Amino acid sequence: MATKRRVTCVNHDRDGDVTHIGNKTEWGIVDKQTAIAQIESGTYHYYVCQPGTNPTAIEVVSGPTGKYLRTVADGQKANNLDNLSEC
């Protein structure tokens, strides 16, 4: 079973795409490619949980330019990766 890791910060490139996710106080920062491999292998289950919201899983999605990370839509903007602070 995958170990759960709460994500509290992200880094973006100039286009606004997520390049890293992290939690500096609990486990550090990993790049997007590592996080994708860990999710797909079942090693880690990454999620976002902001105050006043429910935990929201981070999933791997295949897009026109390759795989990327996003949170599962739940109608709560605070749980979106783009709304987290920079690492």
C-alpha atoms as a PDB file:
ATOM      1  CA  MET A   1       0.000   0.000   0.000  1.00  0.00           C
ATOM      2  CA  ALA A   2       1.232   3.468  -0.898  1.00  0.00           C
ATOM      3  CA  THR A   3       2.569   5.786   1.788  1.00  0.00           C
ATOM      4  CA  LYS A   4       0.586   9.032   1.974  1.00  0.00           C
ATOM      5  CA  ARG A   5       2.408  12.341   1.528  1.00  0.00           C
ATOM      6  CA  ARG A   6       0.725  15.697   2.044  1.00  0.00           C
ATOM      7  CA  VAL A   7       1.812  18.356  -0.458  1.00  0.00           C
ATOM      8  CA  THR A   8       2.024  21.918   0.893  1.00  0.00           C
ATOM      9  CA  CYS A   9       4.033  23.707  -1.809  1.00  0.00           C
ATOM     10  CA  VAL A  10       4.845  23.574  -5.518  1.00  0.00           C
ATOM     11  CA  ASN A  11       7.280  25.102  -7.986  1.00  0.00           C
ATOM     12  CA  HIS A  12       6.265  26.247 -11.471  1.00  0.00           C
ATOM     13  CA  ASP A  13       8.144  26.940 -14.678  1.00  0.00           C
ATOM     14  CA  ARG A  14       7.705  30.161 -16.705  1.00  0.00           C
ATOM     15  CA  ASP A  15       4.632  28.684 -18.420  1.00  0.00           C
ATOM     16  CA  GLY A  16       2.968  27.997 -15.060  1.00  0.00           C
ATOM     17  CA  ASP A  17       3.424  24.213 -15.243  1.00  0.00           C
ATOM     18  CA  VAL A  18       4.196  22.369 -12.008  1.00  0.00           C
ATOM     19  CA  THR A  19       7.854  21.267 -11.910  1.00  0.00           C
ATOM     20  CA  HIS A  20       8.186  20.181  -8.256  1.00  0.00           C
ATOM     21  CA  ILE A  21       5.897  19.309  -5.333  1.00  0.00           C
ATOM     22  CA  GLY A  22       6.867  19.270  -1.704  1.00  0.00           C
ATOM     23  CA  ASN A  23       6.373  19.526   2.009  1.00  0.00           C
ATOM     24  CA  LYS A  24       9.521  21.113   3.399  1.00  0.00           C
ATOM     25  CA  THR A  25       8.792  20.235   7.041  1.00  0.00           C
ATOM     26  CA  GLU A  26       7.888  16.559   6.550  1.00  0.00           C
ATOM     27  CA  TRP A  27       9.631  14.989   3.535  1.00  0.00           C
ATOM     28  CA  GLY A  28      11.237  17.632   1.289  1.00  0.00           C
ATOM     29  CA  ILE A  29      10.716  18.387  -2.408  1.00  0.00           C
ATOM     30  CA  VAL A  30      10.590  16.063  -5.435  1.00  0.00           C
ATOM     31  CA  ASP A  31      10.576  16.905  -9.126  1.00  0.00           C
ATOM     32  CA  LYS A  32       7.531  16.206 -11.279  1.00  0.00           C
ATOM     33  CA  GLN A  33       9.052  13.183 -13.023  1.00  0.00           C
ATOM     34  CA  THR A  34       9.927  11.503  -9.719  1.00  0.00           C
ATOM     35  CA  ALA A  35       6.460  12.180  -8.287  1.00  0.00           C
ATOM     36  CA  ILE A  36       4.814  10.756 -11.426  1.00  0.00           C
ATOM     37  CA  ALA A  37       6.925   7.582 -11.204  1.00  0.00           C
ATOM     38  CA  GLN A  38       6.159   7.220  -7.480  1.00  0.00           C
ATOM     39  CA  ILE A  39       2.403   7.623  -8.013  1.00  0.00           C
ATOM     40  CA  GLU A  40       2.328   5.221 -10.947  1.00  0.00           C
ATOM     41  CA  SER A  41       4.351   2.584  -9.089  1.00  0.00           C
ATOM     42  CA  GLY A  42       2.163   2.881  -5.994  1.00  0.00           C
ATOM     43  CA  THR A  43       5.089   3.948  -3.798  1.00  0.00           C
ATOM     44  CA  TYR A  44       3.468   7.202  -2.665  1.00  0.00           C
ATOM     45  CA  HIS A  45      -0.010   8.682  -2.673  1.00  0.00           C
ATOM     46  CA  TYR A  46       0.311  12.475  -2.818  1.00  0.00           C
ATOM     47  CA  TYR A  47      -2.546  14.707  -1.700  1.00  0.00           C
ATOM     48  CA  VAL A  48      -3.414  18.314  -0.855  1.00  0.00           C
ATOM     49  CA  CYS A  49      -5.357  19.269   2.260  1.00  0.00           C
ATOM     50  CA  GLN A  50      -5.718  22.955   3.034  1.00  0.00           C
ATOM     51  CA  PRO A  51      -7.432  24.221   6.208  1.00  0.00           C
ATOM     52  CA  GLY A  52     -11.199  23.905   5.895  1.00  0.00           C
ATOM     53  CA  THR A  53     -11.043  21.480   2.945  1.00  0.00           C
ATOM     54  CA  ASN A  54     -11.102  17.732   2.473  1.00  0.00           C
ATOM     55  CA  PRO A  55      -7.981  15.859   1.315  1.00  0.00           C
ATOM     56  CA  THR A  56      -7.716  15.834  -2.482  1.00  0.00           C
ATOM     57  CA  ALA A  57      -5.586  13.287  -4.324  1.00  0.00           C
ATOM     58  CA  ILE A  58      -2.944  14.275  -6.837  1.00  0.00           C
ATOM     59  CA  GLU A  59      -3.220  12.254 -10.026  1.00  0.00           C
ATOM     60  CA  VAL A  60      -1.113  11.705 -13.118  1.00  0.00           C
ATOM     61  CA  VAL A  61      -2.702  12.849 -16.371  1.00  0.00           C
ATOM     62  CA  SER A  62      -1.457  12.343 -19.927  1.00  0.00           C
ATOM     63  CA  GLY A  63      -1.607  15.519 -22.003  1.00  0.00           C
ATOM     64  CA  PRO A  64      -0.464  16.568 -25.460  1.00  0.00           C
ATOM     65  CA  THR A  65       3.028  17.408 -24.159  1.00  0.00           C
ATOM     66  CA  GLY A  66       3.408  14.444 -21.796  1.00  0.00           C
ATOM     67  CA  LYS A  67       2.378  13.481 -18.300  1.00  0.00           C
ATOM     68  CA  TYR A  68       1.595  16.059 -15.653  1.00  0.00           C
ATOM     69  CA  LEU A  69       0.208  16.311 -12.122  1.00  0.00           C
ATOM     70  CA  ARG A  70      -3.149  17.696 -11.061  1.00  0.00           C
ATOM     71  CA  THR A  71      -5.515  17.430  -8.139  1.00  0.00           C
ATOM     72  CA  VAL A  72      -8.786  15.556  -8.478  1.00  0.00           C
ATOM     73  CA  ALA A  73     -11.533  18.134  -9.047  1.00  0.00           C
ATOM     74  CA  ASP A  74     -13.632  18.601  -5.931  1.00  0.00           C
ATOM     75  CA  GLY A  75     -14.981  22.146  -6.297  1.00  0.00           C
ATOM     76  CA  GLN A  76     -12.614  23.568  -3.659  1.00  0.00           C
ATOM     77  CA  LYS A  77     -10.127  26.029  -5.177  1.00  0.00           C
ATOM     78  CA  ALA A  78      -7.853  25.986  -2.117  1.00  0.00           C
ATOM     79  CA  ASN A  79      -6.989  22.353  -2.878  1.00  0.00           C
ATOM     80  CA  ASN A  80      -5.667  23.081  -6.377  1.00  0.00           C
ATOM     81  CA  LEU A  81      -1.918  22.695  -6.905  1.00  0.00           C
ATOM     82  CA  ASP A  82      -1.780  26.130  -8.520  1.00  0.00           C
ATOM     83  CA  ASN A  83      -3.067  27.724  -5.312  1.00  0.00           C
ATOM     84  CA  LEU A  84      -0.296  26.358  -3.083  1.00  0.00           C
ATOM     85  CA  SER A  85       2.698  28.494  -2.161  1.00  0.00           C
ATOM     86  CA  GLU A  86       6.041  28.130  -3.926  1.00  0.00           C
ATOM     87  CA  CYS A  87       8.537  25.748  -2.292  1.00  0.00           C
END
